[in-house]
Every structure is written in C-alpha cells, then in structure tokens.
Amino acid sequence: IPHASAVVIESFREDSEIAVTEIHAAVYVEKPSQKGIIIGRDGCSLKRIGSAARREIQSYLNCTIDLRLWVRVEKNWRNQMNSLKNLCLQEE
C-alpha cells in the first residue's frame, strides 16, 4: 500500500433489526497509479484489504460488518490544508 494513502469513514450505520453494521470507507491516494496499486489486478488487492479490515472490525465490534470500500484520487491531498480538513485529518 502506498504510504501516501488515507482511509476516511464516510458513513457508519448500525441496523439492530438485522444485526449488521454498515461501513462505507474511502481510501484516498494522490496519483492514479497509486489507485491501481490499491485496487490490484481484477480488484484482488482491494478485496484482500477489505476482507482483512472486515475481519478485524468484526472481532473488535463483535458484530457482522458490511464494509464497502472505494479508492479515490485526491491530488496532493497531504500538502493542501483544505484537503486535510475535508479528510478530517487535521484539527480545525
């Protein structure tokens, strides 16, 4: 995984009726080539990352997790103050 990456939880919703927690997360990278690294051939890297994260979250929260991942390119996000605030990585 490129070190110029960050994961932002975009939504977190618990459904007590069906005992599932739904999490939507975005993996931010700076370059399209990094997006390709995260996704991997035929999506195998993203699937492996998502499966590992899902297992870890399920053991931590002790419930079933529906994890949805997206990979987004945000050019120079580490160097731009507004991008950091938008990604919730910096205090206001």
PDB file of N, CA and C in Angstrom:
ATOM      1  N   ILE A   1       0.857  -1.178   0.000  1.00  0.00           N
ATOM      2  CA  ILE A   1       0.000   0.000   0.000  1.00  0.00           C
ATOM      3  C   ILE A   1       0.896   1.231   0.000  1.00  0.00           C
ATOM      4  N   PRO A   2       0.647   2.196  -0.868  1.00  0.00           N
ATOM      5  CA  PRO A   2       1.452   3.425  -0.884  1.00  0.00           C
ATOM      6  C   PRO A   2       1.346   4.163   0.445  1.00  0.00           C
ATOM      7  N   HIS A   3       2.455   4.744   0.902  1.00  0.00           N
ATOM      8  CA  HIS A   3       2.400   5.478   2.163  1.00  0.00           C
ATOM      9  C   HIS A   3       1.610   6.769   2.025  1.00  0.00           C
ATOM     10  N   ALA A   4       1.396   7.246   0.817  1.00  0.00           N
ATOM     11  CA  ALA A   4       0.583   8.441   0.578  1.00  0.00           C
ATOM     12  C   ALA A   4      -0.874   8.026   0.413  1.00  0.00           C
ATOM     13  N   SER A   5      -1.407   7.391   1.449  1.00  0.00           N
ATOM     14  CA  SER A   5      -2.806   6.970   1.405  1.00  0.00           C
ATOM     15  C   SER A   5      -3.447   7.214   2.760  1.00  0.00           C
ATOM     16  N   ALA A   6      -4.754   7.382   2.754  1.00  0.00           N
ATOM     17  CA  ALA A   6      -5.511   7.586   3.992  1.00  0.00           C
ATOM     18  C   ALA A   6      -6.879   6.960   3.817  1.00  0.00           C
ATOM     19  N   VAL A   7      -7.442   6.483   4.904  1.00  0.00           N
ATOM     20  CA  VAL A   7      -8.778   5.907   4.877  1.00  0.00           C
ATOM     21  C   VAL A   7      -9.696   6.818   5.667  1.00  0.00           C
ATOM     22  N   VAL A   8     -10.822   7.178   5.056  1.00  0.00           N
ATOM     23  CA  VAL A   8     -11.819   8.029   5.696  1.00  0.00           C
ATOM     24  C   VAL A   8     -13.131   7.260   5.758  1.00  0.00           C
ATOM     25  N   ILE A   9     -13.703   7.166   6.949  1.00  0.00           N
ATOM     26  CA  ILE A   9     -15.005   6.535   7.106  1.00  0.00           C
ATOM     27  C   ILE A   9     -16.057   7.558   6.695  1.00  0.00           C
ATOM     28  N   GLU A  10     -16.799   7.246   5.647  1.00  0.00           N
ATOM     29  CA  GLU A  10     -17.795   8.181   5.135  1.00  0.00           C
ATOM     30  C   GLU A  10     -19.159   7.984   5.777  1.00  0.00           C
ATOM     31  N   SER A  11     -19.460   6.756   6.163  1.00  0.00           N
ATOM     32  CA  SER A  11     -20.700   6.523   6.904  1.00  0.00           C
ATOM     33  C   SER A  11     -20.551   5.271   7.749  1.00  0.00           C
ATOM     34  N   PHE A  12     -21.275   5.268   8.856  1.00  0.00           N
ATOM     35  CA  PHE A  12     -21.246   4.164   9.813  1.00  0.00           C
ATOM     36  C   PHE A  12     -22.667   4.047  10.331  1.00  0.00           C
ATOM     37  N   ARG A  13     -23.317   2.945   9.990  1.00  0.00           N
ATOM     38  CA  ARG A  13     -24.729   2.805  10.349  1.00  0.00           C
ATOM     39  C   ARG A  13     -24.970   1.415  10.918  1.00  0.00           C
ATOM     40  N   GLU A  14     -25.564   1.384  12.111  1.00  0.00           N
ATOM     41  CA  GLU A  14     -25.900   0.117  12.749  1.00  0.00           C
ATOM     42  C   GLU A  14     -27.373  -0.179  12.499  1.00  0.00           C
ATOM     43  N   ASP A  15     -27.660  -1.390  12.074  1.00  0.00           N
ATOM     44  CA  ASP A  15     -29.040  -1.831  11.876  1.00  0.00           C
ATOM     45  C   ASP A  15     -29.314  -2.946  12.871  1.00  0.00           C
ATOM     46  N   SER A  16     -29.940  -2.593  13.979  1.00  0.00           N
ATOM     47  CA  SER A  16     -30.154  -3.566  15.046  1.00  0.00           C
ATOM     48  C   SER A  16     -31.183  -4.634  14.673  1.00  0.00           C
ATOM     49  N   GLU A  17     -32.059  -4.333  13.726  1.00  0.00           N
ATOM     50  CA  GLU A  17     -33.065  -5.319  13.306  1.00  0.00           C
ATOM     51  C   GLU A  17     -32.432  -6.546  12.667  1.00  0.00           C
ATOM     52  N   ILE A  18     -31.399  -6.329  11.852  1.00  0.00           N
ATOM     53  CA  ILE A  18     -30.749  -7.463  11.186  1.00  0.00           C
ATOM     54  C   ILE A  18     -29.332  -7.700  11.714  1.00  0.00           C
ATOM     55  N   ALA A  19     -28.975  -6.985  12.787  1.00  0.00           N
ATOM     56  CA  ALA A  19     -27.682  -7.151  13.465  1.00  0.00           C
ATOM     57  C   ALA A  19     -26.486  -7.011  12.533  1.00  0.00           C
ATOM     58  N   VAL A  20     -26.500  -5.958  11.723  1.00  0.00           N
ATOM     59  CA  VAL A  20     -25.405  -5.682  10.792  1.00  0.00           C
ATOM     60  C   VAL A  20     -25.001  -4.217  10.938  1.00  0.00           C
ATOM     61  N   THR A  21     -23.702  -3.974  10.922  1.00  0.00           N
ATOM     62  CA  THR A  21     -23.189  -2.610  10.889  1.00  0.00           C
ATOM     63  C   THR A  21     -22.619  -2.365   9.498  1.00  0.00           C
ATOM     64  N   GLU A  22     -23.131  -1.313   8.866  1.00  0.00           N
ATOM     65  CA  GLU A  22     -22.708  -0.976   7.507  1.00  0.00           C
ATOM     66  C   GLU A  22     -21.713   0.177   7.570  1.00  0.00           C
ATOM     67  N   ILE A  23     -20.549  -0.040   6.965  1.00  0.00           N
ATOM     68  CA  ILE A  23     -19.496   0.974   6.955  1.00  0.00           C
ATOM     69  C   ILE A  23     -19.095   1.250   5.512  1.00  0.00           C
ATOM     70  N   HIS A  24     -19.123   2.533   5.141  1.00  0.00           N
ATOM     71  CA  HIS A  24     -18.632   2.963   3.830  1.00  0.00           C
ATOM     72  C   HIS A  24     -17.355   3.731   4.073  1.00  0.00           C
ATOM     73  N   ALA A  25     -16.279   3.316   3.412  1.00  0.00           N
ATOM     74  CA  ALA A  25     -14.976   3.958   3.608  1.00  0.00           C
ATOM     75  C   ALA A  25     -14.332   4.249   2.265  1.00  0.00           C
ATOM     76  N   ALA A  26     -13.577   5.340   2.231  1.00  0.00           N
ATOM     77  CA  ALA A  26     -12.833   5.715   1.026  1.00  0.00           C
ATOM     78  C   ALA A  26     -11.345   5.686   1.338  1.00  0.00           C
ATOM     79  N   VAL A  27     -10.593   5.099   0.437  1.00  0.00           N
ATOM     80  CA  VAL A  27      -9.136   5.105   0.524  1.00  0.00           C
ATOM     81  C   VAL A  27      -8.664   6.200  -0.427  1.00  0.00           C
ATOM     82  N   TYR A  28      -8.033   7.229   0.127  1.00  0.00           N
ATOM     83  CA  TYR A  28      -7.546   8.342  -0.681  1.00  0.00           C
ATOM     84  C   TYR A  28      -6.074   8.140  -1.021  1.00  0.00           C
ATOM     85  N   VAL A  29      -5.748   8.380  -2.282  1.00  0.00           N
ATOM     86  CA  VAL A  29      -4.371   8.348  -2.769  1.00  0.00           C
ATOM     87  C   VAL A  29      -4.138   9.618  -3.585  1.00  0.00           C
ATOM     88  N   GLU A  30      -2.871   9.887  -3.912  1.00  0.00           N
ATOM     89  CA  GLU A  30      -2.540  11.120  -4.630  1.00  0.00           C
ATOM     90  C   GLU A  30      -2.450  10.957  -6.141  1.00  0.00           C
ATOM     91  N   LYS A  31      -2.221   9.751  -6.622  1.00  0.00           N
ATOM     92  CA  LYS A  31      -1.990   9.546  -8.058  1.00  0.00           C
ATOM     93  C   LYS A  31      -2.827   8.382  -8.582  1.00  0.00           C
ATOM     94  N   PRO A  32      -3.218   8.466  -9.839  1.00  0.00           N
ATOM     95  CA  PRO A  32      -3.944   7.341 -10.434  1.00  0.00           C
ATOM     96  C   PRO A  32      -3.168   6.024 -10.375  1.00  0.00           C
ATOM     97  N   SER A  33      -1.845   6.098 -10.476  1.00  0.00           N
ATOM     98  CA  SER A  33      -1.051   4.865 -10.415  1.00  0.00           C
ATOM     99  C   SER A  33      -1.153   4.223  -9.030  1.00  0.00           C
ATOM    100  N   GLN A  34      -1.281   5.045  -7.979  1.00  0.00           N
ATOM    101  CA  GLN A  34      -1.456   4.514  -6.632  1.00  0.00           C
ATOM    102  C   GLN A  34      -2.822   3.852  -6.489  1.00  0.00           C
ATOM    103  N   LYS A  35      -3.808   4.409  -7.166  1.00  0.00           N
ATOM    104  CA  LYS A  35      -5.145   3.801  -7.155  1.00  0.00           C
ATOM    105  C   LYS A  35      -5.056   2.389  -7.723  1.00  0.00           C
ATOM    106  N   GLY A  36      -4.312   2.240  -8.799  1.00  0.00           N
ATOM    107  CA  GLY A  36      -4.127   0.925  -9.408  1.00  0.00           C
ATOM    108  C   GLY A  36      -3.448  -0.055  -8.474  1.00  0.00           C
ATOM    109  N   ILE A  37      -2.502   0.433  -7.675  1.00  0.00           N
ATOM    110  CA  ILE A  37      -1.814  -0.426  -6.710  1.00  0.00           C
ATOM    111  C   ILE A  37      -2.795  -0.910  -5.647  1.00  0.00           C
ATOM    112  N   ILE A  38      -3.614  -0.010  -5.143  1.00  0.00           N
ATOM    113  CA  ILE A  38      -4.590  -0.369  -4.105  1.00  0.00           C
ATOM    114  C   ILE A  38      -5.615  -1.363  -4.649  1.00  0.00           C
ATOM    115  N   ILE A  39      -6.113  -1.108  -5.855  1.00  0.00           N
ATOM    116  CA  ILE A  39      -7.138  -1.990  -6.422  1.00  0.00           C
ATOM    117  C   ILE A  39      -6.538  -3.327  -6.830  1.00  0.00           C
ATOM    118  N   GLY A  40      -5.375  -3.300  -7.471  1.00  0.00           N
ATOM    119  CA  GLY A  40      -4.734  -4.541  -7.905  1.00  0.00           C
ATOM    120  C   GLY A  40      -5.394  -5.125  -9.141  1.00  0.00           C
ATOM    121  N   ARG A  41      -4.782  -6.175  -9.660  1.00  0.00           N
ATOM    122  CA  ARG A  41      -5.315  -6.835 -10.855  1.00  0.00           C
ATOM    123  C   ARG A  41      -6.663  -7.465 -10.520  1.00  0.00           C
ATOM    124  N   ASP A  42      -7.675  -7.102 -11.315  1.00  0.00           N
ATOM    125  CA  ASP A  42      -9.035  -7.606 -11.138  1.00  0.00           C
ATOM    126  C   ASP A  42      -9.593  -7.348  -9.739  1.00  0.00           C
ATOM    127  N   GLY A  43      -9.081  -6.319  -9.058  1.00  0.00           N
ATOM    128  CA  GLY A  43      -9.589  -5.951  -7.740  1.00  0.00           C
ATOM    129  C   GLY A  43      -9.129  -6.830  -6.600  1.00  0.00           C
ATOM    130  N   CYS A  44      -8.142  -7.691  -6.853  1.00  0.00           N
ATOM    131  CA  CYS A  44      -7.737  -8.660  -5.818  1.00  0.00           C
ATOM    132  C   CYS A  44      -7.099  -7.995  -4.602  1.00  0.00           C
ATOM    133  N   SER A  45      -6.341  -6.933  -4.788  1.00  0.00           N
ATOM    134  CA  SER A  45      -5.715  -6.266  -3.632  1.00  0.00           C
ATOM    135  C   SER A  45      -6.755  -5.572  -2.765  1.00  0.00           C
ATOM    136  N   LEU A  46      -7.687  -4.874  -3.405  1.00  0.00           N
ATOM    137  CA  LEU A  46      -8.738  -4.196  -2.645  1.00  0.00           C
ATOM    138  C   LEU A  46      -9.607  -5.210  -1.908  1.00  0.00           C
ATOM    139  N   LYS A  47      -9.877  -6.336  -2.537  1.00  0.00           N
ATOM    140  CA  LYS A  47     -10.663  -7.385  -1.890  1.00  0.00           C
ATOM    141  C   LYS A  47      -9.915  -7.935  -0.677  1.00  0.00           C
ATOM    142  N   ARG A  48      -8.612  -8.156  -0.806  1.00  0.00           N
ATOM    143  CA  ARG A  48      -7.808  -8.668   0.302  1.00  0.00           C
ATOM    144  C   ARG A  48      -7.758  -7.655   1.452  1.00  0.00           C
ATOM    145  N   ILE A  49      -7.590  -6.381   1.113  1.00  0.00           N
ATOM    146  CA  ILE A  49      -7.573  -5.319   2.124  1.00  0.00           C
ATOM    147  C   ILE A  49      -8.925  -5.254   2.827  1.00  0.00           C
ATOM    148  N   GLY A  50      -9.993  -5.284   2.051  1.00  0.00           N
ATOM    149  CA  GLY A  50     -11.337  -5.210   2.619  1.00  0.00           C
ATOM    150  C   GLY A  50     -11.669  -6.398   3.499  1.00  0.00           C
ATOM    151  N   SER A  51     -11.292  -7.587   3.084  1.00  0.00           N
ATOM    152  CA  SER A  51     -11.556  -8.797   3.877  1.00  0.00           C
ATOM    153  C   SER A  51     -10.815  -8.758   5.208  1.00  0.00           C
ATOM    154  N   ALA A  52      -9.546  -8.350   5.177  1.00  0.00           N
ATOM    155  CA  ALA A  52      -8.758  -8.262   6.410  1.00  0.00           C
ATOM    156  C   ALA A  52      -9.342  -7.205   7.346  1.00  0.00           C
ATOM    157  N   ALA A  53      -9.705  -6.054   6.787  1.00  0.00           N
ATOM    158  CA  ALA A  53     -10.292  -4.984   7.597  1.00  0.00           C
ATOM    159  C   ALA A  53     -11.629  -5.428   8.189  1.00  0.00           C
ATOM    160  N   ARG A  54     -12.444  -6.084   7.379  1.00  0.00           N
ATOM    161  CA  ARG A  54     -13.756  -6.559   7.848  1.00  0.00           C
ATOM    162  C   ARG A  54     -13.593  -7.530   9.017  1.00  0.00           C
ATOM    163  N   ARG A  55     -12.677  -8.482   8.896  1.00  0.00           N
ATOM    164  CA  ARG A  55     -12.447  -9.445   9.983  1.00  0.00           C
ATOM    165  C   ARG A  55     -12.001  -8.735  11.260  1.00  0.00           C
ATOM    166  N   GLU A  56     -11.082  -7.787  11.128  1.00  0.00           N
ATOM    167  CA  GLU A  56     -10.578  -7.073  12.290  1.00  0.00           C
ATOM    168  C   GLU A  56     -11.672  -6.238  12.952  1.00  0.00           C
ATOM    169  N   ILE A  57     -12.468  -5.536  12.152  1.00  0.00           N
ATOM    170  CA  ILE A  57     -13.554  -4.715  12.692  1.00  0.00           C
ATOM    171  C   ILE A  57     -14.604  -5.604  13.360  1.00  0.00           C
ATOM    172  N   GLN A  58     -14.934  -6.735  12.725  1.00  0.00           N
ATOM    173  CA  GLN A  58     -15.927  -7.652  13.303  1.00  0.00           C
ATOM    174  C   GLN A  58     -15.464  -8.168  14.661  1.00  0.00           C
ATOM    175  N   SER A  59     -14.192  -8.510  14.792  1.00  0.00           N
ATOM    176  CA  SER A  59     -13.711  -9.010  16.079  1.00  0.00           C
ATOM    177  C   SER A  59     -13.694  -7.898  17.128  1.00  0.00           C
ATOM    178  N   TYR A  60     -13.422  -6.680  16.700  1.00  0.00           N
ATOM    179  CA  TYR A  60     -13.383  -5.550  17.622  1.00  0.00           C
ATOM    180  C   TYR A  60     -14.787  -5.155  18.084  1.00  0.00           C
ATOM    181  N   LEU A  61     -15.742  -5.073  17.140  1.00  0.00           N
ATOM    182  CA  LEU A  61     -17.105  -4.647  17.471  1.00  0.00           C
ATOM    183  C   LEU A  61     -18.020  -5.801  17.844  1.00  0.00           C
ATOM    184  N   ASN A  62     -17.565  -7.021  17.584  1.00  0.00           N
ATOM    185  CA  ASN A  62     -18.342  -8.220  17.899  1.00  0.00           C
ATOM    186  C   ASN A  62     -19.731  -8.198  17.233  1.00  0.00           C
ATOM    187  N   CYS A  63     -19.744  -7.890  15.942  1.00  0.00           N
ATOM    188  CA  CYS A  63     -20.982  -7.916  15.168  1.00  0.00           C
ATOM    189  C   CYS A  63     -20.627  -8.133  13.697  1.00  0.00           C
ATOM    190  N   THR A  64     -21.644  -8.391  12.892  1.00  0.00           N
ATOM    191  CA  THR A  64     -21.438  -8.582  11.463  1.00  0.00           C
ATOM    192  C   THR A  64     -21.224  -7.227  10.800  1.00  0.00           C
ATOM    193  N   ILE A  65     -20.248  -7.137   9.906  1.00  0.00           N
ATOM    194  CA  ILE A  65     -19.892  -5.886   9.239  1.00  0.00           C
ATOM    195  C   ILE A  65     -20.119  -6.008   7.740  1.00  0.00           C
ATOM    196  N   ASP A  66     -20.784  -5.027   7.182  1.00  0.00           N
ATOM    197  CA  ASP A  66     -20.899  -4.881   5.732  1.00  0.00           C
ATOM    198  C   ASP A  66     -20.001  -3.704   5.370  1.00  0.00           C
ATOM    199  N   LEU A  67     -18.799  -4.001   4.873  1.00  0.00           N
ATOM    200  CA  LEU A  67     -17.797  -2.969   4.587  1.00  0.00           C
ATOM    201  C   LEU A  67     -17.740  -2.710   3.095  1.00  0.00           C
ATOM    202  N   ARG A  68     -17.934  -1.466   2.714  1.00  0.00           N
ATOM    203  CA  ARG A  68     -17.849  -1.056   1.309  1.00  0.00           C
ATOM    204  C   ARG A  68     -16.673  -0.091   1.170  1.00  0.00           C
ATOM    205  N   LEU A  69     -15.763  -0.405   0.257  1.00  0.00           N
ATOM    206  CA  LEU A  69     -14.563   0.414   0.050  1.00  0.00           C
ATOM    207  C   LEU A  69     -14.545   1.028  -1.343  1.00  0.00           C
ATOM    208  N   TRP A  70     -14.084   2.266  -1.409  1.00  0.00           N
ATOM    209  CA  TRP A  70     -13.841   2.949  -2.670  1.00  0.00           C
ATOM    210  C   TRP A  70     -12.440   3.518  -2.628  1.00  0.00           C
ATOM    211  N   VAL A  71     -11.818   3.632  -3.780  1.00  0.00           N
ATOM    212  CA  VAL A  71     -10.497   4.249  -3.875  1.00  0.00           C
ATOM    213  C   VAL A  71     -10.660   5.541  -4.665  1.00  0.00           C
ATOM    214  N   ARG A  72     -10.201   6.648  -4.071  1.00  0.00           N
ATOM    215  CA  ARG A  72     -10.365   7.956  -4.700  1.00  0.00           C
ATOM    216  C   ARG A  72      -9.006   8.643  -4.822  1.00  0.00           C
ATOM    217  N   VAL A  73      -8.825   9.318  -5.941  1.00  0.00           N
ATOM    218  CA  VAL A  73      -7.593  10.077  -6.170  1.00  0.00           C
ATOM    219  C   VAL A  73      -7.858  11.533  -5.813  1.00  0.00           C
ATOM    220  N   GLU A  74      -7.059  12.063  -4.893  1.00  0.00           N
ATOM    221  CA  GLU A  74      -7.123  13.471  -4.496  1.00  0.00           C
ATOM    222  C   GLU A  74      -5.704  14.002  -4.595  1.00  0.00           C
ATOM    223  N   LYS A  75      -5.405  14.671  -5.714  1.00  0.00           N
ATOM    224  CA  LYS A  75      -4.051  15.116  -5.997  1.00  0.00           C
ATOM    225  C   LYS A  75      -3.519  16.027  -4.885  1.00  0.00           C
ATOM    226  N   ASN A  76      -2.309  15.699  -4.408  1.00  0.00           N
ATOM    227  CA  ASN A  76      -1.610  16.485  -3.384  1.00  0.00           C
ATOM    228  C   ASN A  76      -2.406  16.663  -2.091  1.00  0.00           C
ATOM    229  N   TRP A  77      -3.224  15.700  -1.710  1.00  0.00           N
ATOM    230  CA  TRP A  77      -4.048  15.873  -0.516  1.00  0.00           C
ATOM    231  C   TRP A  77      -3.217  16.080   0.743  1.00  0.00           C
ATOM    232  N   ARG A  78      -2.015  15.546   0.801  1.00  0.00           N
ATOM    233  CA  ARG A  78      -1.189  15.706   2.003  1.00  0.00           C
ATOM    234  C   ARG A  78      -0.644  17.114   2.151  1.00  0.00           C
ATOM    235  N   ASN A  79      -0.546  17.851   1.069  1.00  0.00           N
ATOM    236  CA  ASN A  79       0.068  19.180   1.096  1.00  0.00           C
ATOM    237  C   ASN A  79      -0.933  20.320   1.105  1.00  0.00           C
ATOM    238  N   GLN A  80      -2.197  20.028   1.031  1.00  0.00           N
ATOM    239  CA  GLN A  80      -3.209  21.082   0.949  1.00  0.00           C
ATOM    240  C   GLN A  80      -4.056  21.099   2.217  1.00  0.00           C
ATOM    241  N   MET A  81      -4.096  22.227   2.893  1.00  0.00           N
ATOM    242  CA  MET A  81      -4.822  22.351   4.156  1.00  0.00           C
ATOM    243  C   MET A  81      -6.295  22.004   3.992  1.00  0.00           C
ATOM    244  N   ASN A  82      -6.940  22.491   2.936  1.00  0.00           N
ATOM    245  CA  ASN A  82      -8.367  22.210   2.749  1.00  0.00           C
ATOM    246  C   ASN A  82      -8.616  20.722   2.558  1.00  0.00           C
ATOM    247  N   SER A  83      -7.746  20.058   1.845  1.00  0.00           N
ATOM    248  CA  SER A  83      -7.901  18.618   1.638  1.00  0.00           C
ATOM    249  C   SER A  83      -7.787  17.881   2.964  1.00  0.00           C
ATOM    250  N   LEU A  84      -6.847  18.290   3.813  1.00  0.00           N
ATOM    251  CA  LEU A  84      -6.684  17.637   5.105  1.00  0.00           C
ATOM    252  C   LEU A  84      -7.916  17.846   5.976  1.00  0.00           C
ATOM    253  N   LYS A  85      -8.479  19.047   5.950  1.00  0.00           N
ATOM    254  CA  LYS A  85      -9.689  19.305   6.732  1.00  0.00           C
ATOM    255  C   LYS A  85     -10.856  18.489   6.188  1.00  0.00           C
ATOM    256  N   ASN A  86     -10.973  18.421   4.863  1.00  0.00           N
ATOM    257  CA  ASN A  86     -12.046  17.651   4.252  1.00  0.00           C
ATOM    258  C   ASN A  86     -11.934  16.168   4.578  1.00  0.00           C
ATOM    259  N   LEU A  87     -10.717  15.677   4.725  1.00  0.00           N
ATOM    260  CA  LEU A  87     -10.499  14.281   5.050  1.00  0.00           C
ATOM    261  C   LEU A  87     -10.512  14.043   6.563  1.00  0.00           C
ATOM    262  N   CYS A  88     -10.746  15.100   7.334  1.00  0.00           N
ATOM    263  CA  CYS A  88     -10.820  15.005   8.804  1.00  0.00           C
ATOM    264  C   CYS A  88      -9.495  14.541   9.399  1.00  0.00           C
ATOM    265  N   LEU A  89      -8.395  14.906   8.810  1.00  0.00           N
ATOM    266  CA  LEU A  89      -7.091  14.502   9.313  1.00  0.00           C
ATOM    267  C   LEU A  89      -6.380  15.604  10.067  1.00  0.00           C
ATOM    268  N   GLN A  90      -7.007  16.773  10.176  1.00  0.00           N
ATOM    269  CA  GLN A  90      -6.378  17.877  10.860  1.00  0.00           C
ATOM    270  C   GLN A  90      -7.432  18.568  11.710  1.00  0.00           C
ATOM    271  N   GLU A  91      -7.017  19.033  12.883  1.00  0.00           N
ATOM    272  CA  GLU A  91      -7.942  19.762  13.742  1.00  0.00           C
ATOM    273  C   GLU A  91      -8.235  21.109  13.117  1.00  0.00           C
ATOM    274  N   GLU A  92      -9.432  21.605  13.399  1.00  0.00           N
ATOM    275  CA  GLU A  92      -9.862  22.904  12.871  1.00  0.00           C
ATOM    276  C   GLU A  92      -9.164  24.030  13.592  1.00  0.00           C
TER     277      GLU A  92
END
